[in-house]
Amino acid sequence: MSKNPLPYLLIAAATMTVGPLAAAGGDATAGKTKSAACASCHGPDGISPQPNFPILAGQYPDYIVRALKDYKSGERENAIMKGFVTNLTEQDMHDLAAYFYSQKGLVAPEISNP
């Protein structure tokens, strides 16, 4: 007798949805407040109006935290970012990551097949 795979699929889907939020370890509400300095380049919701600045909305929290740590340590070099991250605590980084992850990123348009 085979088992119904639906419960396993639901658990997998929930894990993929909730996992990155849990991994962020941050507070999206606090991150929104802390993101004010980011808005001039990355946009208030993390979608940059200029193509030369990365879009942060919807980005995985681990990626944002790693990038911020790398800018702070000097592993990634960017004078502008270095100035912004110098005084960030690890909690600040996690809060920012949680906020930007919670924002809806750009979605590719659907293409209909005639």
C-alpha atoms as a PDB file:
ATOM      1  CA  MET A   1       0.000   0.000   0.000  1.00  0.00           C
ATOM      2  CA  SER A   2       1.523   3.370  -0.988  1.00  0.00           C
ATOM      3  CA  LYS A   3       1.307   6.385   1.253  1.00  0.00           C
ATOM      4  CA  ASN A   4      -0.329   9.628   0.198  1.00  0.00           C
ATOM      5  CA  PRO A   5       2.498  12.081  -0.716  1.00  0.00           C
ATOM      6  CA  LEU A   6       0.350  15.190  -0.145  1.00  0.00           C
ATOM      7  CA  PRO A   7       1.304  15.731   3.534  1.00  0.00           C
ATOM      8  CA  TYR A   8       4.981  15.486   2.623  1.00  0.00           C
ATOM      9  CA  LEU A   9       4.562  17.949  -0.228  1.00  0.00           C
ATOM     10  CA  LEU A  10       2.766  20.397   2.061  1.00  0.00           C
ATOM     11  CA  ILE A  11       5.529  20.168   4.659  1.00  0.00           C
ATOM     12  CA  ALA A  12       8.160  20.736   1.975  1.00  0.00           C
ATOM     13  CA  ALA A  13       6.295  23.770   0.608  1.00  0.00           C
ATOM     14  CA  ALA A  14       5.898  25.259   4.095  1.00  0.00           C
ATOM     15  CA  THR A  15       9.580  24.744   4.817  1.00  0.00           C
ATOM     16  CA  MET A  16      10.617  26.504   1.613  1.00  0.00           C
ATOM     17  CA  THR A  17       8.346  29.447   2.412  1.00  0.00           C
ATOM     18  CA  VAL A  18       9.092  29.857   6.106  1.00  0.00           C
ATOM     19  CA  GLY A  19      12.716  28.739   6.074  1.00  0.00           C
ATOM     20  CA  PRO A  20      14.318  31.953   4.786  1.00  0.00           C
ATOM     21  CA  LEU A  21      12.276  34.058   7.228  1.00  0.00           C
ATOM     22  CA  ALA A  22      13.405  31.929  10.132  1.00  0.00           C
ATOM     23  CA  ALA A  23      16.975  31.979   8.856  1.00  0.00           C
ATOM     24  CA  ALA A  24      16.992  35.764   8.826  1.00  0.00           C
ATOM     25  CA  GLY A  25      16.795  35.940  12.613  1.00  0.00           C
ATOM     26  CA  GLY A  26      15.713  39.518  12.168  1.00  0.00           C
ATOM     27  CA  ASP A  27      12.761  41.780  12.754  1.00  0.00           C
ATOM     28  CA  ALA A  28      11.328  43.124   9.496  1.00  0.00           C
ATOM     29  CA  THR A  29       9.613  46.038  11.275  1.00  0.00           C
ATOM     30  CA  ALA A  30      12.894  47.144  12.845  1.00  0.00           C
ATOM     31  CA  GLY A  31      14.601  46.573   9.502  1.00  0.00           C
ATOM     32  CA  LYS A  32      12.193  48.916   7.761  1.00  0.00           C
ATOM     33  CA  THR A  33      13.197  51.717  10.128  1.00  0.00           C
ATOM     34  CA  LYS A  34      16.888  50.913   9.683  1.00  0.00           C
ATOM     35  CA  SER A  35      16.542  50.814   5.891  1.00  0.00           C
ATOM     36  CA  ALA A  36      16.015  54.575   5.546  1.00  0.00           C
ATOM     37  CA  ALA A  37      19.699  55.053   4.690  1.00  0.00           C
ATOM     38  CA  CYS A  38      19.431  52.365   1.987  1.00  0.00           C
ATOM     39  CA  ALA A  39      16.516  54.028   0.197  1.00  0.00           C
ATOM     40  CA  SER A  40      18.504  56.654  -1.698  1.00  0.00           C
ATOM     41  CA  CYS A  41      20.247  53.972  -3.782  1.00  0.00           C
ATOM     42  CA  HIS A  42      18.142  50.824  -3.382  1.00  0.00           C
ATOM     43  CA  GLY A  43      14.681  52.440  -3.212  1.00  0.00           C
ATOM     44  CA  PRO A  44      12.392  52.620  -0.152  1.00  0.00           C
ATOM     45  CA  ASP A  45      11.089  49.092  -0.725  1.00  0.00           C
ATOM     46  CA  GLY A  46      14.357  47.633  -2.018  1.00  0.00           C
ATOM     47  CA  ILE A  47      13.602  48.045  -5.718  1.00  0.00           C
ATOM     48  CA  SER A  48      16.198  50.423  -7.037  1.00  0.00           C
ATOM     49  CA  PRO A  49      14.968  52.989  -9.553  1.00  0.00           C
ATOM     50  CA  GLN A  50      18.450  52.968 -11.103  1.00  0.00           C
ATOM     51  CA  PRO A  51      19.901  49.921 -12.886  1.00  0.00           C
ATOM     52  CA  ASN A  52      23.378  50.333 -11.382  1.00  0.00           C
ATOM     53  CA  PHE A  53      22.167  49.564  -7.825  1.00  0.00           C
ATOM     54  CA  PRO A  54      21.095  46.037  -6.853  1.00  0.00           C
ATOM     55  CA  ILE A  55      17.469  45.196  -6.134  1.00  0.00           C
ATOM     56  CA  LEU A  56      17.210  43.984  -2.534  1.00  0.00           C
ATOM     57  CA  ALA A  57      13.461  43.285  -2.388  1.00  0.00           C
ATOM     58  CA  GLY A  58      12.772  39.578  -2.108  1.00  0.00           C
ATOM     59  CA  GLN A  59      16.462  38.733  -1.762  1.00  0.00           C
ATOM     60  CA  TYR A  60      17.355  35.802   0.493  1.00  0.00           C
ATOM     61  CA  PRO A  61      18.233  36.957   4.022  1.00  0.00           C
ATOM     62  CA  ASP A  62      21.438  34.906   4.174  1.00  0.00           C
ATOM     63  CA  TYR A  63      22.705  36.638   1.049  1.00  0.00           C
ATOM     64  CA  ILE A  64      22.021  40.127   2.399  1.00  0.00           C
ATOM     65  CA  VAL A  65      23.634  39.379   5.771  1.00  0.00           C
ATOM     66  CA  ARG A  66      26.689  37.847   4.069  1.00  0.00           C
ATOM     67  CA  ALA A  67      27.040  40.837   1.707  1.00  0.00           C
ATOM     68  CA  LEU A  68      26.776  43.335   4.579  1.00  0.00           C
ATOM     69  CA  LYS A  69      29.352  41.416   6.629  1.00  0.00           C
ATOM     70  CA  ASP A  70      31.671  41.267   3.636  1.00  0.00           C
ATOM     71  CA  TYR A  71      31.390  45.031   3.078  1.00  0.00           C
ATOM     72  CA  LYS A  72      32.062  45.633   6.766  1.00  0.00           C
ATOM     73  CA  SER A  73      35.120  43.338   6.841  1.00  0.00           C
ATOM     74  CA  GLY A  74      36.472  44.714   3.573  1.00  0.00           C
ATOM     75  CA  GLU A  75      36.149  41.395   1.747  1.00  0.00           C
ATOM     76  CA  ARG A  76      33.830  43.216  -0.656  1.00  0.00           C
ATOM     77  CA  GLU A  77      35.121  46.638  -1.591  1.00  0.00           C
ATOM     78  CA  ASN A  78      32.792  49.562  -2.097  1.00  0.00           C
ATOM     79  CA  ALA A  79      33.484  52.891  -0.418  1.00  0.00           C
ATOM     80  CA  ILE A  80      29.818  53.882  -0.276  1.00  0.00           C
ATOM     81  CA  MET A  81      28.686  50.596   1.276  1.00  0.00           C
ATOM     82  CA  LYS A  82      31.652  50.572   3.677  1.00  0.00           C
ATOM     83  CA  GLY A  83      30.440  53.890   5.067  1.00  0.00           C
ATOM     84  CA  PHE A  84      26.926  52.570   5.598  1.00  0.00           C
ATOM     85  CA  VAL A  85      27.853  49.257   7.221  1.00  0.00           C
ATOM     86  CA  THR A  86      30.613  50.466   9.534  1.00  0.00           C
ATOM     87  CA  ASN A  87      28.289  50.971  12.503  1.00  0.00           C
ATOM     88  CA  LEU A  88      25.821  48.158  11.782  1.00  0.00           C
ATOM     89  CA  THR A  89      25.565  45.451  14.395  1.00  0.00           C
ATOM     90  CA  GLU A  90      24.911  41.852  13.416  1.00  0.00           C
ATOM     91  CA  GLN A  91      21.312  42.287  14.624  1.00  0.00           C
ATOM     92  CA  ASP A  92      20.957  45.368  12.397  1.00  0.00           C
ATOM     93  CA  MET A  93      22.085  43.253   9.449  1.00  0.00           C
ATOM     94  CA  HIS A  94      19.559  40.528  10.239  1.00  0.00           C
ATOM     95  CA  ASP A  95      16.780  43.108  10.662  1.00  0.00           C
ATOM     96  CA  LEU A  96      17.596  44.672   7.294  1.00  0.00           C
ATOM     97  CA  ALA A  97      17.711  41.233   5.681  1.00  0.00           C
ATOM     98  CA  ALA A  98      14.309  40.323   7.144  1.00  0.00           C
ATOM     99  CA  TYR A  99      12.801  43.600   5.901  1.00  0.00           C
ATOM    100  CA  PHE A 100      14.115  43.343   2.359  1.00  0.00           C
ATOM    101  CA  TYR A 101      13.185  39.666   2.138  1.00  0.00           C
ATOM    102  CA  SER A 102       9.627  40.559   3.162  1.00  0.00           C
ATOM    103  CA  GLN A 103       9.301  42.994   0.268  1.00  0.00           C
ATOM    104  CA  LYS A 104       7.928  41.782  -3.034  1.00  0.00           C
ATOM    105  CA  GLY A 105      10.715  41.610  -5.571  1.00  0.00           C
ATOM    106  CA  LEU A 106      10.357  42.085  -9.280  1.00  0.00           C
ATOM    107  CA  VAL A 107       8.341  39.430 -11.032  1.00  0.00           C
ATOM    108  CA  ALA A 108       9.003  38.411 -14.599  1.00  0.00           C
ATOM    109  CA  PRO A 109       6.025  39.067 -16.840  1.00  0.00           C
ATOM    110  CA  GLU A 110       4.011  36.090 -17.945  1.00  0.00           C
ATOM    111  CA  ILE A 111       4.342  35.306 -21.625  1.00  0.00           C
ATOM    112  CA  SER A 112       1.299  33.863 -23.270  1.00  0.00           C
ATOM    113  CA  ASN A 113       1.653  31.474 -26.118  1.00  0.00           C
ATOM    114  CA  PRO A 114      -0.669  32.380 -29.003  1.00  0.00           C
END
